[in-house]
Each structure stands twice: as structure tokens, then as C-alpha cells.
């Protein structure tokens, strides 16, 4: 099961990102962005969404954009 999930994540998330990235270490950058994506689910399940529901959507979008920009930058 674990190997199947890893293969799925590799094929559907990591490798497509790697293919789109220029510059050094595209795989490391794609893995970092993937960690951001995949970490959101467990955090949401553990803590709930109330704080995020109350937050300014534009501010959240700006913060997420900054996180992904930093993770994916060459």
C-alpha cells in the first residue's frame, strides 16, 4: 500500500512539478512544494478550520503564494 501511494504521489504531483521547473534542484524544490501541499490535510484534521475560516482570504492567499514561491524558486 505504501509503495502504491508513493508511486501515485510521485507520478501525479512530484514529477509534473519537476517537469515544469527550470534551474537547479528541481526535484528538491518540487518535493518541498509537495510537502506544503500534503501537510495541509493532517494539520486541518488535527486543528480544524475555524481559525482559517475567520482569517482574511486575501491574506491567506498572499501567504500561500509566498510559501509556494519560496519553495519553487530556483
PDB file of N, CA and C in Angstrom:
ATOM      1  N   UNK A   1       0.835  -1.197   0.000  1.00  0.00           N
ATOM      2  CA  UNK A   1       0.000   0.000   0.000  1.00  0.00           C
ATOM      3  C   UNK A   1       0.875   1.255   0.000  1.00  0.00           C
ATOM      4  N   UNK A   2       1.882   1.303   0.902  1.00  0.00           N
ATOM      5  CA  UNK A   2       2.740   2.475   0.985  1.00  0.00           C
ATOM      6  C   UNK A   2       3.434   2.736  -0.348  1.00  0.00           C
ATOM      7  N   UNK A   3       3.937   1.693  -0.968  1.00  0.00           N
ATOM      8  CA  UNK A   3       4.622   1.853  -2.257  1.00  0.00           C
ATOM      9  C   UNK A   3       3.656   2.355  -3.330  1.00  0.00           C
ATOM     10  N   UNK A   4       2.428   1.891  -3.297  1.00  0.00           N
ATOM     11  CA  UNK A   4       1.423   2.350  -4.264  1.00  0.00           C
ATOM     12  C   UNK A   4       1.138   3.832  -4.082  1.00  0.00           C
ATOM     13  N   UNK A   5       1.005   4.263  -2.838  1.00  0.00           N
ATOM     14  CA  UNK A   5       0.746   5.671  -2.557  1.00  0.00           C
ATOM     15  C   UNK A   5       1.940   6.526  -2.971  1.00  0.00           C
ATOM     16  N   UNK A   6       3.141   6.062  -2.646  1.00  0.00           N
ATOM     17  CA  UNK A   6       4.339   6.804  -3.047  1.00  0.00           C
ATOM     18  C   UNK A   6       4.428   6.931  -4.558  1.00  0.00           C
ATOM     19  N   UNK A   7       4.146   5.869  -5.283  1.00  0.00           N
ATOM     20  CA  UNK A   7       4.194   5.893  -6.743  1.00  0.00           C
ATOM     21  C   UNK A   7       3.146   6.868  -7.282  1.00  0.00           C
ATOM     22  N   UNK A   8       1.940   6.824  -6.708  1.00  0.00           N
ATOM     23  CA  UNK A   8       0.879   7.727  -7.137  1.00  0.00           C
ATOM     24  C   UNK A   8       1.293   9.184  -6.922  1.00  0.00           C
ATOM     25  N   UNK A   9       1.801   9.502  -5.731  1.00  0.00           N
ATOM     26  CA  UNK A   9       2.214  10.873  -5.438  1.00  0.00           C
ATOM     27  C   UNK A   9       3.361  11.306  -6.335  1.00  0.00           C
ATOM     28  N   UNK A  10       4.286  10.407  -6.562  1.00  0.00           N
ATOM     29  CA  UNK A  10       5.409  10.704  -7.450  1.00  0.00           C
ATOM     30  C   UNK A  10       4.910  11.014  -8.861  1.00  0.00           C
ATOM     31  N   UNK A  11       4.039  10.158  -9.376  1.00  0.00           N
ATOM     32  CA  UNK A  11       3.554  10.304 -10.755  1.00  0.00           C
ATOM     33  C   UNK A  11       2.595  11.475 -10.937  1.00  0.00           C
ATOM     34  N   UNK A  12       1.760  11.747  -9.930  1.00  0.00           N
ATOM     35  CA  UNK A  12       0.720  12.762 -10.128  1.00  0.00           C
ATOM     36  C   UNK A  12       1.052  14.139  -9.562  1.00  0.00           C
ATOM     37  N   UNK A  13       2.020  14.211  -8.640  1.00  0.00           N
ATOM     38  CA  UNK A  13       2.341  15.507  -8.054  1.00  0.00           C
ATOM     39  C   UNK A  13       3.792  15.906  -8.301  1.00  0.00           C
ATOM     40  N   UNK A  14       4.718  15.070  -7.880  1.00  0.00           N
ATOM     41  CA  UNK A  14       6.132  15.458  -7.906  1.00  0.00           C
ATOM     42  C   UNK A  14       6.660  15.579  -9.331  1.00  0.00           C
ATOM     43  N   UNK A  15       6.537  14.528 -10.118  1.00  0.00           N
ATOM     44  CA  UNK A  15       7.119  14.559 -11.460  1.00  0.00           C
ATOM     45  C   UNK A  15       6.522  15.647 -12.368  1.00  0.00           C
ATOM     46  N   UNK A  16       5.208  15.881 -12.341  1.00  0.00           N
ATOM     47  CA  UNK A  16       4.688  17.001 -13.145  1.00  0.00           C
ATOM     48  C   UNK A  16       5.280  18.349 -12.743  1.00  0.00           C
ATOM     49  N   UNK A  17       5.505  18.548 -11.430  1.00  0.00           N
ATOM     50  CA  UNK A  17       6.143  19.800 -10.995  1.00  0.00           C
ATOM     51  C   UNK A  17       7.574  19.864 -11.477  1.00  0.00           C
ATOM     52  N   UNK A  18       8.315  18.766 -11.330  1.00  0.00           N
ATOM     53  CA  UNK A  18       9.712  18.726 -11.767  1.00  0.00           C
ATOM     54  C   UNK A  18       9.804  19.099 -13.246  1.00  0.00           C
ATOM     55  N   UNK A  19       8.884  18.587 -14.045  1.00  0.00           N
ATOM     56  CA  UNK A  19       8.903  18.847 -15.489  1.00  0.00           C
ATOM     57  C   UNK A  19       8.690  20.323 -15.816  1.00  0.00           C
ATOM     58  N   UNK A  20       8.075  21.067 -14.918  1.00  0.00           N
ATOM     59  CA  UNK A  20       7.778  22.479 -15.163  1.00  0.00           C
ATOM     60  C   UNK A  20       8.835  23.435 -14.602  1.00  0.00           C
ATOM     61  N   UNK A  21       9.763  22.917 -13.809  1.00  0.00           N
ATOM     62  CA  UNK A  21      10.719  23.788 -13.130  1.00  0.00           C
ATOM     63  C   UNK A  21      12.030  23.897 -13.890  1.00  0.00           C
ATOM     64  N   UNK A  22      12.521  25.116 -14.012  1.00  0.00           N
ATOM     65  CA  UNK A  22      13.847  25.375 -14.548  1.00  0.00           C
ATOM     66  C   UNK A  22      14.773  25.645 -13.375  1.00  0.00           C
ATOM     67  N   UNK A  23      16.051  25.601 -13.624  1.00  0.00           N
ATOM     68  CA  UNK A  23      17.012  25.948 -12.593  1.00  0.00           C
ATOM     69  C   UNK A  23      17.487  24.736 -11.817  1.00  0.00           C
ATOM     70  N   UNK A  24      18.274  25.005 -10.774  1.00  0.00           N
ATOM     71  CA  UNK A  24      18.892  23.927 -10.015  1.00  0.00           C
ATOM     72  C   UNK A  24      17.907  23.177  -9.123  1.00  0.00           C
ATOM     73  N   UNK A  25      18.208  21.931  -8.885  1.00  0.00           N
ATOM     74  CA  UNK A  25      17.482  21.091  -7.919  1.00  0.00           C
ATOM     75  C   UNK A  25      15.969  21.083  -8.084  1.00  0.00           C
ATOM     76  N   UNK A  26      15.466  20.846  -9.298  1.00  0.00           N
ATOM     77  CA  UNK A  26      14.010  20.878  -9.470  1.00  0.00           C
ATOM     78  C   UNK A  26      13.283  19.828  -8.627  1.00  0.00           C
ATOM     79  N   UNK A  27      13.899  18.670  -8.436  1.00  0.00           N
ATOM     80  CA  UNK A  27      13.233  17.630  -7.639  1.00  0.00           C
ATOM     81  C   UNK A  27      13.111  18.055  -6.172  1.00  0.00           C
ATOM     82  N   UNK A  28      14.164  18.606  -5.606  1.00  0.00           N
ATOM     83  CA  UNK A  28      14.110  19.060  -4.215  1.00  0.00           C
ATOM     84  C   UNK A  28      13.059  20.145  -4.053  1.00  0.00           C
ATOM     85  N   UNK A  29      12.985  21.057  -4.996  1.00  0.00           N
ATOM     86  CA  UNK A  29      12.002  22.138  -4.909  1.00  0.00           C
ATOM     87  C   UNK A  29      10.580  21.593  -5.043  1.00  0.00           C
ATOM     88  N   UNK A  30      10.395  20.621  -5.947  1.00  0.00           N
ATOM     89  CA  UNK A  30       9.076  20.002  -6.110  1.00  0.00           C
ATOM     90  C   UNK A  30       8.680  19.228  -4.857  1.00  0.00           C
ATOM     91  N   UNK A  31       9.630  18.551  -4.236  1.00  0.00           N
ATOM     92  CA  UNK A  31       9.328  17.826  -3.003  1.00  0.00           C
ATOM     93  C   UNK A  31       8.957  18.780  -1.874  1.00  0.00           C
ATOM     94  N   UNK A  32       9.620  19.917  -1.795  1.00  0.00           N
ATOM     95  CA  UNK A  32       9.284  20.901  -0.771  1.00  0.00           C
ATOM     96  C   UNK A  32       7.861  21.437  -0.981  1.00  0.00           C
ATOM     97  N   UNK A  33       7.522  21.774  -2.213  1.00  0.00           N
ATOM     98  CA  UNK A  33       6.162  22.242  -2.502  1.00  0.00           C
ATOM     99  C   UNK A  33       5.146  21.135  -2.222  1.00  0.00           C
ATOM    100  N   UNK A  34       5.498  19.892  -2.530  1.00  0.00           N
ATOM    101  CA  UNK A  34       4.608  18.762  -2.244  1.00  0.00           C
ATOM    102  C   UNK A  34       4.387  18.604  -0.749  1.00  0.00           C
ATOM    103  N   UNK A  35       5.436  18.817   0.030  1.00  0.00           N
ATOM    104  CA  UNK A  35       5.298  18.731   1.488  1.00  0.00           C
ATOM    105  C   UNK A  35       4.339  19.786   2.007  1.00  0.00           C
ATOM    106  N   UNK A  36       4.388  20.971   1.417  1.00  0.00           N
ATOM    107  CA  UNK A  36       3.443  22.027   1.803  1.00  0.00           C
ATOM    108  C   UNK A  36       2.022  21.581   1.470  1.00  0.00           C
ATOM    109  N   UNK A  37       1.838  21.057   0.265  1.00  0.00           N
ATOM    110  CA  UNK A  37       0.507  20.599  -0.159  1.00  0.00           C
ATOM    111  C   UNK A  37      -0.021  19.486   0.741  1.00  0.00           C
ATOM    112  N   UNK A  38       0.802  18.486   0.963  1.00  0.00           N
ATOM    113  CA  UNK A  38       0.343  17.306   1.696  1.00  0.00           C
ATOM    114  C   UNK A  38       0.260  17.540   3.199  1.00  0.00           C
ATOM    115  N   UNK A  39       0.969  18.513   3.725  1.00  0.00           N
ATOM    116  CA  UNK A  39       0.910  18.793   5.159  1.00  0.00           C
ATOM    117  C   UNK A  39      -0.367  19.474   5.576  1.00  0.00           C
ATOM    118  N   UNK A  40      -1.041  20.119   4.648  1.00  0.00           N
ATOM    119  CA  UNK A  40      -2.270  20.840   4.983  1.00  0.00           C
ATOM    120  C   UNK A  40      -3.380  19.947   5.483  1.00  0.00           C
ATOM    121  N   UNK A  41      -3.506  18.763   4.928  1.00  0.00           N
ATOM    122  CA  UNK A  41      -4.568  17.843   5.325  1.00  0.00           C
ATOM    123  C   UNK A  41      -4.470  17.412   6.783  1.00  0.00           C
ATOM    124  N   UNK A  42      -3.319  16.877   7.199  1.00  0.00           N
ATOM    125  CA  UNK A  42      -3.199  16.469   8.607  1.00  0.00           C
ATOM    126  C   UNK A  42      -3.376  17.628   9.585  1.00  0.00           C
ATOM    127  N   UNK A  43      -2.846  18.782   9.252  1.00  0.00           N
ATOM    128  CA  UNK A  43      -2.999  19.939  10.142  1.00  0.00           C
ATOM    129  C   UNK A  43      -4.467  20.320  10.255  1.00  0.00           C
ATOM    130  N   UNK A  44      -5.163  20.313   9.139  1.00  0.00           N
ATOM    131  CA  UNK A  44      -6.592  20.639   9.158  1.00  0.00           C
ATOM    132  C   UNK A  44      -7.367  19.642  10.005  1.00  0.00           C
ATOM    133  N   UNK A  45      -7.043  18.343   9.870  1.00  0.00           N
ATOM    134  CA  UNK A  45      -7.745  17.332  10.655  1.00  0.00           C
ATOM    135  C   UNK A  45      -7.440  17.469  12.150  1.00  0.00           C
ATOM    136  N   UNK A  46      -6.221  17.809  12.495  1.00  0.00           N
ATOM    137  CA  UNK A  46      -5.846  17.923  13.903  1.00  0.00           C
ATOM    138  C   UNK A  46      -6.429  19.170  14.568  1.00  0.00           C
ATOM    139  N   UNK A  47      -6.375  20.293  13.872  1.00  0.00           N
ATOM    140  CA  UNK A  47      -6.735  21.565  14.489  1.00  0.00           C
ATOM    141  C   UNK A  47      -8.077  22.119  14.036  1.00  0.00           C
ATOM    142  N   UNK A  48      -8.654  21.578  12.993  1.00  0.00           N
ATOM    143  CA  UNK A  48      -9.897  22.112  12.465  1.00  0.00           C
ATOM    144  C   UNK A  48      -9.649  23.321  11.573  1.00  0.00           C
ATOM    145  N   UNK A  49     -10.711  23.935  11.130  1.00  0.00           N
ATOM    146  CA  UNK A  49     -10.597  25.042  10.180  1.00  0.00           C
ATOM    147  C   UNK A  49     -11.096  26.369  10.710  1.00  0.00           C
ATOM    148  N   UNK A  50     -11.558  26.430  11.946  1.00  0.00           N
ATOM    149  CA  UNK A  50     -12.169  27.665  12.436  1.00  0.00           C
ATOM    150  C   UNK A  50     -11.268  28.882  12.280  1.00  0.00           C
ATOM    151  N   UNK A  51     -10.010  28.770  12.684  1.00  0.00           N
ATOM    152  CA  UNK A  51      -9.118  29.919  12.555  1.00  0.00           C
ATOM    153  C   UNK A  51      -8.941  30.325  11.102  1.00  0.00           C
ATOM    154  N   UNK A  52      -8.859  29.355  10.223  1.00  0.00           N
ATOM    155  CA  UNK A  52      -8.702  29.684   8.798  1.00  0.00           C
ATOM    156  C   UNK A  52      -9.975  30.273   8.214  1.00  0.00           C
ATOM    157  N   UNK A  53     -11.119  29.805   8.684  1.00  0.00           N
ATOM    158  CA  UNK A  53     -12.387  30.369   8.205  1.00  0.00           C
ATOM    159  C   UNK A  53     -12.527  31.834   8.598  1.00  0.00           C
ATOM    160  N   UNK A  54     -11.975  32.179   9.752  1.00  0.00           N
ATOM    161  CA  UNK A  54     -12.083  33.542  10.245  1.00  0.00           C
ATOM    162  C   UNK A  54     -11.019  34.469   9.662  1.00  0.00           C
ATOM    163  N   UNK A  55      -9.992  33.907   9.043  1.00  0.00           N
ATOM    164  CA  UNK A  55      -8.899  34.720   8.501  1.00  0.00           C
ATOM    165  C   UNK A  55      -9.317  35.375   7.188  1.00  0.00           C
ATOM    166  N   UNK A  56      -8.655  36.454   6.871  1.00  0.00           N
ATOM    167  CA  UNK A  56      -8.891  37.171   5.619  1.00  0.00           C
ATOM    168  C   UNK A  56      -8.414  36.298   4.447  1.00  0.00           C
ATOM    169  N   UNK A  57      -9.311  35.954   3.521  1.00  0.00           N
ATOM    170  CA  UNK A  57      -8.934  35.085   2.404  1.00  0.00           C
ATOM    171  C   UNK A  57      -7.793  35.658   1.549  1.00  0.00           C
ATOM    172  N   UNK A  58      -7.789  36.967   1.363  1.00  0.00           N
ATOM    173  CA  UNK A  58      -6.722  37.571   0.567  1.00  0.00           C
ATOM    174  C   UNK A  58      -5.370  37.444   1.267  1.00  0.00           C
ATOM    175  N   UNK A  59      -5.364  37.594   2.587  1.00  0.00           N
ATOM    176  CA  UNK A  59      -4.121  37.444   3.341  1.00  0.00           C
ATOM    177  C   UNK A  59      -3.634  35.998   3.289  1.00  0.00           C
ATOM    178  N   UNK A  60      -4.565  35.049   3.420  1.00  0.00           N
ATOM    179  CA  UNK A  60      -4.182  33.640   3.318  1.00  0.00           C
ATOM    180  C   UNK A  60      -3.610  33.331   1.937  1.00  0.00           C
ATOM    181  N   UNK A  61      -4.251  33.845   0.903  1.00  0.00           N
ATOM    182  CA  UNK A  61      -3.751  33.620  -0.457  1.00  0.00           C
ATOM    183  C   UNK A  61      -2.364  34.213  -0.634  1.00  0.00           C
ATOM    184  N   UNK A  62      -2.143  35.400  -0.095  1.00  0.00           N
ATOM    185  CA  UNK A  62      -0.818  36.026  -0.177  1.00  0.00           C
ATOM    186  C   UNK A  62       0.235  35.182   0.535  1.00  0.00           C
ATOM    187  N   UNK A  63      -0.113  34.656   1.695  1.00  0.00           N
ATOM    188  CA  UNK A  63       0.839  33.839   2.458  1.00  0.00           C
ATOM    189  C   UNK A  63       1.144  32.522   1.737  1.00  0.00           C
ATOM    190  N   UNK A  64       0.102  31.890   1.214  1.00  0.00           N
ATOM    191  CA  UNK A  64       0.319  30.638   0.457  1.00  0.00           C
ATOM    192  C   UNK A  64       1.152  30.898  -0.795  1.00  0.00           C
ATOM    193  N   UNK A  65       0.869  31.995  -1.462  1.00  0.00           N
ATOM    194  CA  UNK A  65       1.647  32.344  -2.658  1.00  0.00           C
ATOM    195  C   UNK A  65       3.115  32.537  -2.301  1.00  0.00           C
ATOM    196  N   UNK A  66       3.372  33.207  -1.197  1.00  0.00           N
ATOM    197  CA  UNK A  66       4.752  33.416  -0.751  1.00  0.00           C
ATOM    198  C   UNK A  66       5.423  32.096  -0.418  1.00  0.00           C
ATOM    199  N   UNK A  67       4.715  31.211   0.244  1.00  0.00           N
ATOM    200  CA  UNK A  67       5.279  29.896   0.587  1.00  0.00           C
ATOM    201  C   UNK A  67       5.648  29.100  -0.657  1.00  0.00           C
ATOM    202  N   UNK A  68       4.726  29.024  -1.591  1.00  0.00           N
ATOM    203  CA  UNK A  68       4.994  28.253  -2.813  1.00  0.00           C
ATOM    204  C   UNK A  68       6.047  28.942  -3.677  1.00  0.00           C
ATOM    205  N   UNK A  69       6.032  30.248  -3.727  1.00  0.00           N
ATOM    206  CA  UNK A  69       7.059  30.963  -4.494  1.00  0.00           C
ATOM    207  C   UNK A  69       8.438  30.674  -3.938  1.00  0.00           C
ATOM    208  N   UNK A  70       8.567  30.693  -2.611  1.00  0.00           N
ATOM    209  CA  UNK A  70       9.856  30.406  -1.982  1.00  0.00           C
ATOM    210  C   UNK A  70      10.272  28.961  -2.217  1.00  0.00           C
ATOM    211  N   UNK A  71       9.327  28.034  -2.095  1.00  0.00           N
ATOM    212  CA  UNK A  71       9.640  26.614  -2.269  1.00  0.00           C
ATOM    213  C   UNK A  71      10.057  26.283  -3.692  1.00  0.00           C
ATOM    214  N   UNK A  72       9.460  26.940  -4.663  1.00  0.00           N
ATOM    215  CA  UNK A  72       9.693  26.597  -6.065  1.00  0.00           C
ATOM    216  C   UNK A  72      10.731  27.456  -6.761  1.00  0.00           C
ATOM    217  N   UNK A  73      11.186  28.524  -6.112  1.00  0.00           N
ATOM    218  CA  UNK A  73      12.158  29.426  -6.740  1.00  0.00           C
ATOM    219  C   UNK A  73      13.488  28.716  -6.992  1.00  0.00           C
ATOM    220  N   UNK A  74      14.125  29.039  -8.113  1.00  0.00           N
ATOM    221  CA  UNK A  74      15.451  28.447  -8.378  1.00  0.00           C
ATOM    222  C   UNK A  74      16.505  28.929  -7.393  1.00  0.00           C
TER     223      UNK A  74
END
